[in-house]
Amino acid sequence: MPVPGATSVRASSVDRDRTWSIAQVADEFGVTHRTVRHYEELGLISPERRGTTRVYHRRDRTRLALILRGKRLGFPLEEIRTIIDLYDAPRGRRSQLEYVLDQIDERRTDLEQRRRDLDAALSELDEFERRCRADLEHAPRA
């Protein structure tokens, strides 16, 4: 008779010990091998080396996911490094969250300013287009 929960304990242990190749990690995250190696060269991820083979653990995948999320949000790599490194700091998650919240505020302010700039540029283009069309209607045909 099976013991309830035994399979999930065994599966989670196996999942915890699972490793991935550079090809698997790159495919999963939709990046090139070169990109993964670049993040390794910068010290943002640290795969295990078995000879010339890179072996990625859950921690590397988590860090890569955070790197790519940070990039999508427009954070520079050095800010991403700081955020990720704070996770391992003695205060752990709290200091990371406080820092990230500060960075989010700064990023939001920057993006809101960019949105205002884009809205102003689009309004200016709309007005310029309107004037050009009006001038075109009154311009003599060649």
Protein backbone atom coordinates (compact mmCIF):
# COMPACT_ATOMS: atom_id res chain seq x y z
CA MET A 1 0.00 0.00 0.00
CA PRO A 2 1.51 3.37 -1.00
CA VAL A 3 2.36 5.95 1.63
CA PRO A 4 0.50 9.21 0.97
CA GLY A 5 2.90 11.92 -0.14
CA ALA A 6 5.86 9.56 -0.66
CA THR A 7 5.92 10.12 -4.41
CA SER A 8 5.89 13.91 -4.06
CA VAL A 9 8.76 13.81 -1.55
CA ARG A 10 10.81 11.63 -3.88
CA ALA A 11 9.89 13.76 -6.91
CA SER A 12 10.78 17.01 -5.18
CA SER A 13 14.13 15.57 -4.11
CA VAL A 14 14.83 14.49 -7.69
CA ASP A 15 13.67 17.86 -9.00
CA ARG A 16 15.93 19.65 -6.51
CA ASP A 17 18.95 17.68 -7.74
CA ARG A 18 18.12 18.03 -11.43
CA THR A 19 20.67 19.68 -13.70
CA TRP A 20 20.47 21.24 -17.15
CA SER A 21 22.87 21.74 -20.03
CA ILE A 22 23.58 25.12 -21.58
CA ALA A 23 21.42 24.12 -24.56
CA GLN A 24 18.48 23.26 -22.30
CA VAL A 25 18.78 26.49 -20.33
CA ALA A 26 19.17 28.62 -23.45
CA ASP A 27 16.18 26.98 -25.13
CA GLU A 28 14.01 27.26 -22.03
CA PHE A 29 14.64 31.00 -21.69
CA GLY A 30 14.76 31.78 -25.41
CA VAL A 31 18.32 33.12 -25.38
CA THR A 32 21.49 32.13 -27.18
CA HIS A 33 24.31 30.05 -25.70
CA ARG A 34 26.43 33.17 -26.09
CA THR A 35 24.05 35.15 -23.89
CA VAL A 36 24.18 32.49 -21.16
CA ARG A 37 28.00 32.42 -21.34
CA HIS A 38 28.08 36.23 -21.20
CA TYR A 39 26.12 36.24 -17.94
CA GLU A 40 28.52 33.61 -16.65
CA GLU A 41 31.54 35.73 -17.64
CA LEU A 42 30.01 38.64 -15.72
CA GLY A 43 29.62 36.40 -12.68
CA LEU A 44 25.84 36.68 -12.66
CA ILE A 45 25.48 32.90 -12.89
CA SER A 46 27.99 30.24 -11.87
CA PRO A 47 27.34 26.85 -13.41
CA GLU A 48 29.27 23.87 -12.20
CA ARG A 49 32.03 22.74 -14.55
CA ARG A 50 32.50 19.07 -15.32
CA GLY A 51 35.49 19.11 -17.61
CA THR A 52 34.50 21.44 -20.44
CA THR A 53 30.78 20.96 -19.81
CA ARG A 54 28.70 23.54 -17.99
CA VAL A 55 26.15 22.05 -15.61
CA TYR A 56 23.32 24.34 -14.51
CA HIS A 57 21.49 23.84 -11.23
CA ARG A 58 18.17 25.25 -10.04
CA ARG A 59 19.97 28.29 -8.54
CA ASP A 60 21.48 29.15 -11.94
CA ARG A 61 18.08 28.91 -13.63
CA THR A 62 16.50 31.10 -10.96
CA ARG A 63 19.25 33.69 -11.34
CA LEU A 64 18.93 33.61 -15.14
CA ALA A 65 15.17 34.14 -14.86
CA LEU A 66 15.79 37.15 -12.59
CA ILE A 67 18.41 38.55 -14.96
CA LEU A 68 16.09 38.31 -17.94
CA ARG A 69 13.15 39.77 -16.01
CA GLY A 70 15.36 42.67 -14.92
CA LYS A 71 16.47 43.24 -18.50
CA ARG A 72 12.84 43.26 -19.71
CA LEU A 73 12.06 45.88 -17.08
CA GLY A 74 14.97 48.00 -18.27
CA PHE A 75 17.36 47.52 -15.35
CA PRO A 76 21.06 47.72 -16.20
CA LEU A 77 23.08 44.57 -15.51
CA GLU A 78 24.89 46.11 -12.53
CA GLU A 79 21.56 46.86 -10.83
CA ILE A 80 20.42 43.33 -11.60
CA ARG A 81 23.64 42.00 -10.07
CA THR A 82 23.05 44.01 -6.90
CA ILE A 83 19.48 42.78 -6.60
CA ILE A 84 20.48 39.15 -7.13
CA ASP A 85 23.47 39.39 -4.79
CA LEU A 86 21.29 40.88 -2.06
CA TYR A 87 19.30 37.66 -2.06
CA ASP A 88 22.37 35.92 -0.64
CA ALA A 89 23.10 38.70 1.87
CA PRO A 90 22.71 38.05 5.61
CA ARG A 91 19.45 39.98 5.82
CA GLY A 92 18.36 37.98 2.82
CA ARG A 93 15.02 38.65 1.33
CA ARG A 94 14.08 41.75 3.31
CA SER A 95 17.06 43.83 2.17
CA GLN A 96 16.58 42.58 -1.38
CA LEU A 97 12.92 43.57 -1.35
CA GLU A 98 13.63 47.01 0.09
CA TYR A 99 16.30 47.63 -2.54
CA VAL A 100 14.10 46.30 -5.35
CA LEU A 101 11.21 48.51 -4.25
CA ASP A 102 13.50 51.56 -4.42
CA GLN A 103 14.65 50.51 -7.87
CA ILE A 104 11.06 49.95 -9.00
CA ASP A 105 10.15 53.47 -7.88
CA GLU A 106 13.08 54.91 -9.84
CA ARG A 107 12.30 52.80 -12.92
CA ARG A 108 8.60 53.72 -12.78
CA THR A 109 9.44 57.43 -12.54
CA ASP A 110 11.75 57.09 -15.55
CA LEU A 111 9.16 55.17 -17.59
CA GLU A 112 6.39 57.63 -16.71
CA GLN A 113 8.60 60.51 -17.88
CA ARG A 114 9.33 58.63 -21.10
CA ARG A 115 5.59 58.08 -21.59
CA ARG A 116 4.95 61.82 -21.16
CA ASP A 117 7.75 62.55 -23.63
CA LEU A 118 6.31 60.05 -26.12
CA ASP A 119 2.80 61.46 -25.71
CA ALA A 120 4.13 64.96 -26.34
CA ALA A 121 6.08 63.78 -29.39
CA LEU A 122 3.01 61.98 -30.76
CA SER A 123 0.86 65.09 -30.23
CA GLU A 124 3.44 67.17 -32.02
CA LEU A 125 3.50 64.69 -34.91
CA ASP A 126 -0.31 64.69 -35.06
CA GLU A 127 -0.37 68.48 -35.26
CA PHE A 128 2.38 68.53 -37.89
CA GLU A 129 0.53 65.89 -39.93
CA ARG A 130 -2.73 67.86 -39.66
CA ARG A 131 -1.03 71.02 -40.94
CA CYS A 132 0.69 69.15 -43.80
CA ARG A 133 -2.62 67.59 -44.89
CA ALA A 134 -4.35 70.96 -44.74
CA ASP A 135 -1.53 72.53 -46.80
CA LEU A 136 -1.69 69.63 -49.27
CA GLU A 137 -5.41 70.22 -49.83
CA HIS A 138 -4.75 73.85 -50.75
CA ALA A 139 -1.57 73.24 -52.74
CA PRO A 140 -1.87 73.54 -56.54
CA ARG A 141 -1.65 70.24 -58.42
CA ALA A 142 1.45 69.81 -60.50
